[in-house]
């Protein structure tokens, strides 16, 4: 996936998990809003929330656990969703 679109996110989630549990439009919108707040890519934010992949430029993980910034980002994302 190169760009975060509703269609691409839906296809990715269906491919990886087989079903969709959340509202894809809200998920993509929250990824974009939160990424803008933390100055990173919406695609990185999407994978951080879905797959718990680290966002290197933000230092969201330490020893495979979320740092305080990572936990803050997840809380902000939850509020934006």
C-alpha atoms as a PDB file:
ATOM      1  CA  UNK A   1       0.000   0.000   0.000  1.00  0.00           C
ATOM      2  CA  UNK A   2       1.494   3.336  -1.071  1.00  0.00           C
ATOM      3  CA  UNK A   3      -1.235   5.782  -0.061  1.00  0.00           C
ATOM      4  CA  UNK A   4      -3.862   5.550   2.631  1.00  0.00           C
ATOM      5  CA  UNK A   5      -7.261   5.455   0.964  1.00  0.00           C
ATOM      6  CA  UNK A   6     -10.510   3.978   2.205  1.00  0.00           C
ATOM      7  CA  UNK A   7     -10.425   1.351  -0.524  1.00  0.00           C
ATOM      8  CA  UNK A   8      -6.806   0.362   0.155  1.00  0.00           C
ATOM      9  CA  UNK A   9      -7.415   0.171   3.920  1.00  0.00           C
ATOM     10  CA  UNK A  10     -10.511  -1.970   3.410  1.00  0.00           C
ATOM     11  CA  UNK A  11      -8.660  -4.356   1.073  1.00  0.00           C
ATOM     12  CA  UNK A  12      -5.717  -4.608   3.484  1.00  0.00           C
ATOM     13  CA  UNK A  13      -7.885  -5.396   6.500  1.00  0.00           C
ATOM     14  CA  UNK A  14      -9.946  -7.948   4.585  1.00  0.00           C
ATOM     15  CA  UNK A  15      -6.793  -9.616   3.249  1.00  0.00           C
ATOM     16  CA  UNK A  16      -5.038  -9.762   6.628  1.00  0.00           C
ATOM     17  CA  UNK A  17      -7.961 -10.453   8.966  1.00  0.00           C
ATOM     18  CA  UNK A  18     -10.801 -11.706   6.786  1.00  0.00           C
ATOM     19  CA  UNK A  19     -13.446  -9.380   8.214  1.00  0.00           C
ATOM     20  CA  UNK A  20     -13.980  -5.726   9.029  1.00  0.00           C
ATOM     21  CA  UNK A  21     -14.854  -4.834  12.576  1.00  0.00           C
ATOM     22  CA  UNK A  22     -14.572  -1.029  12.440  1.00  0.00           C
ATOM     23  CA  UNK A  23     -15.845   1.803  10.270  1.00  0.00           C
ATOM     24  CA  UNK A  24     -13.156   2.118   7.588  1.00  0.00           C
ATOM     25  CA  UNK A  25     -13.974   5.746   6.744  1.00  0.00           C
ATOM     26  CA  UNK A  26     -13.589   6.797  10.376  1.00  0.00           C
ATOM     27  CA  UNK A  27     -10.404   4.733  10.719  1.00  0.00           C
ATOM     28  CA  UNK A  28      -8.797   6.420   7.708  1.00  0.00           C
ATOM     29  CA  UNK A  29      -9.996   9.862   8.793  1.00  0.00           C
ATOM     30  CA  UNK A  30      -8.645   9.380  12.329  1.00  0.00           C
ATOM     31  CA  UNK A  31      -5.325   8.185  10.876  1.00  0.00           C
ATOM     32  CA  UNK A  32      -5.050  11.337   8.776  1.00  0.00           C
ATOM     33  CA  UNK A  33      -6.031  13.709  11.590  1.00  0.00           C
ATOM     34  CA  UNK A  34      -3.726  12.098  14.149  1.00  0.00           C
ATOM     35  CA  UNK A  35      -0.832  11.928  11.677  1.00  0.00           C
ATOM     36  CA  UNK A  36      -1.231  15.641  11.004  1.00  0.00           C
ATOM     37  CA  UNK A  37      -1.194  16.377  14.752  1.00  0.00           C
ATOM     38  CA  UNK A  38       2.030  14.384  15.242  1.00  0.00           C
ATOM     39  CA  UNK A  39       3.643  15.348  11.913  1.00  0.00           C
ATOM     40  CA  UNK A  40       4.003  11.886  10.384  1.00  0.00           C
ATOM     41  CA  UNK A  41       2.579   9.896   7.486  1.00  0.00           C
ATOM     42  CA  UNK A  42      -1.088   8.784   7.662  1.00  0.00           C
ATOM     43  CA  UNK A  43       0.043   5.387   6.361  1.00  0.00           C
ATOM     44  CA  UNK A  44       2.532   5.033   9.235  1.00  0.00           C
ATOM     45  CA  UNK A  45      -0.219   6.015  11.673  1.00  0.00           C
ATOM     46  CA  UNK A  46      -2.576   3.423  10.170  1.00  0.00           C
ATOM     47  CA  UNK A  47      -0.020   0.634  10.557  1.00  0.00           C
ATOM     48  CA  UNK A  48       0.863   1.823  14.060  1.00  0.00           C
ATOM     49  CA  UNK A  49      -2.759   1.466  15.100  1.00  0.00           C
ATOM     50  CA  UNK A  50      -3.616  -1.703  13.165  1.00  0.00           C
ATOM     51  CA  UNK A  51      -0.360  -3.692  13.362  1.00  0.00           C
ATOM     52  CA  UNK A  52       1.417  -1.881  16.234  1.00  0.00           C
ATOM     53  CA  UNK A  53       4.346  -1.131  13.914  1.00  0.00           C
ATOM     54  CA  UNK A  54       6.733   1.500  15.285  1.00  0.00           C
ATOM     55  CA  UNK A  55       6.820   4.997  13.847  1.00  0.00           C
ATOM     56  CA  UNK A  56      10.567   5.482  13.836  1.00  0.00           C
ATOM     57  CA  UNK A  57      10.629   9.271  13.567  1.00  0.00           C
ATOM     58  CA  UNK A  58       8.385   9.535  16.635  1.00  0.00           C
ATOM     59  CA  UNK A  59      10.082   6.874  18.776  1.00  0.00           C
ATOM     60  CA  UNK A  60       6.814   5.115  19.648  1.00  0.00           C
ATOM     61  CA  UNK A  61       8.400   1.852  20.832  1.00  0.00           C
ATOM     62  CA  UNK A  62      11.128   0.804  23.231  1.00  0.00           C
ATOM     63  CA  UNK A  63      11.960  -2.897  23.568  1.00  0.00           C
ATOM     64  CA  UNK A  64       8.738  -3.720  21.654  1.00  0.00           C
ATOM     65  CA  UNK A  65       6.582  -1.800  24.150  1.00  0.00           C
ATOM     66  CA  UNK A  66       4.885   1.540  23.549  1.00  0.00           C
ATOM     67  CA  UNK A  67       6.683   4.540  24.978  1.00  0.00           C
ATOM     68  CA  UNK A  68       4.734   7.274  26.734  1.00  0.00           C
ATOM     69  CA  UNK A  69       4.474   9.070  23.373  1.00  0.00           C
ATOM     70  CA  UNK A  70       3.149   5.889  21.758  1.00  0.00           C
ATOM     71  CA  UNK A  71       0.481   5.572  24.437  1.00  0.00           C
ATOM     72  CA  UNK A  72      -0.387   9.247  24.036  1.00  0.00           C
ATOM     73  CA  UNK A  73      -0.770   8.808  20.267  1.00  0.00           C
ATOM     74  CA  UNK A  74      -3.077   5.821  20.767  1.00  0.00           C
ATOM     75  CA  UNK A  75      -5.222   7.843  23.169  1.00  0.00           C
ATOM     76  CA  UNK A  76      -5.355  10.773  20.739  1.00  0.00           C
ATOM     77  CA  UNK A  77      -6.270   8.414  17.906  1.00  0.00           C
ATOM     78  CA  UNK A  78      -9.061   6.937  20.025  1.00  0.00           C
ATOM     79  CA  UNK A  79     -10.453  10.416  20.667  1.00  0.00           C
ATOM     80  CA  UNK A  80     -10.231  11.304  16.955  1.00  0.00           C
ATOM     81  CA  UNK A  81     -11.951   8.064  15.923  1.00  0.00           C
END
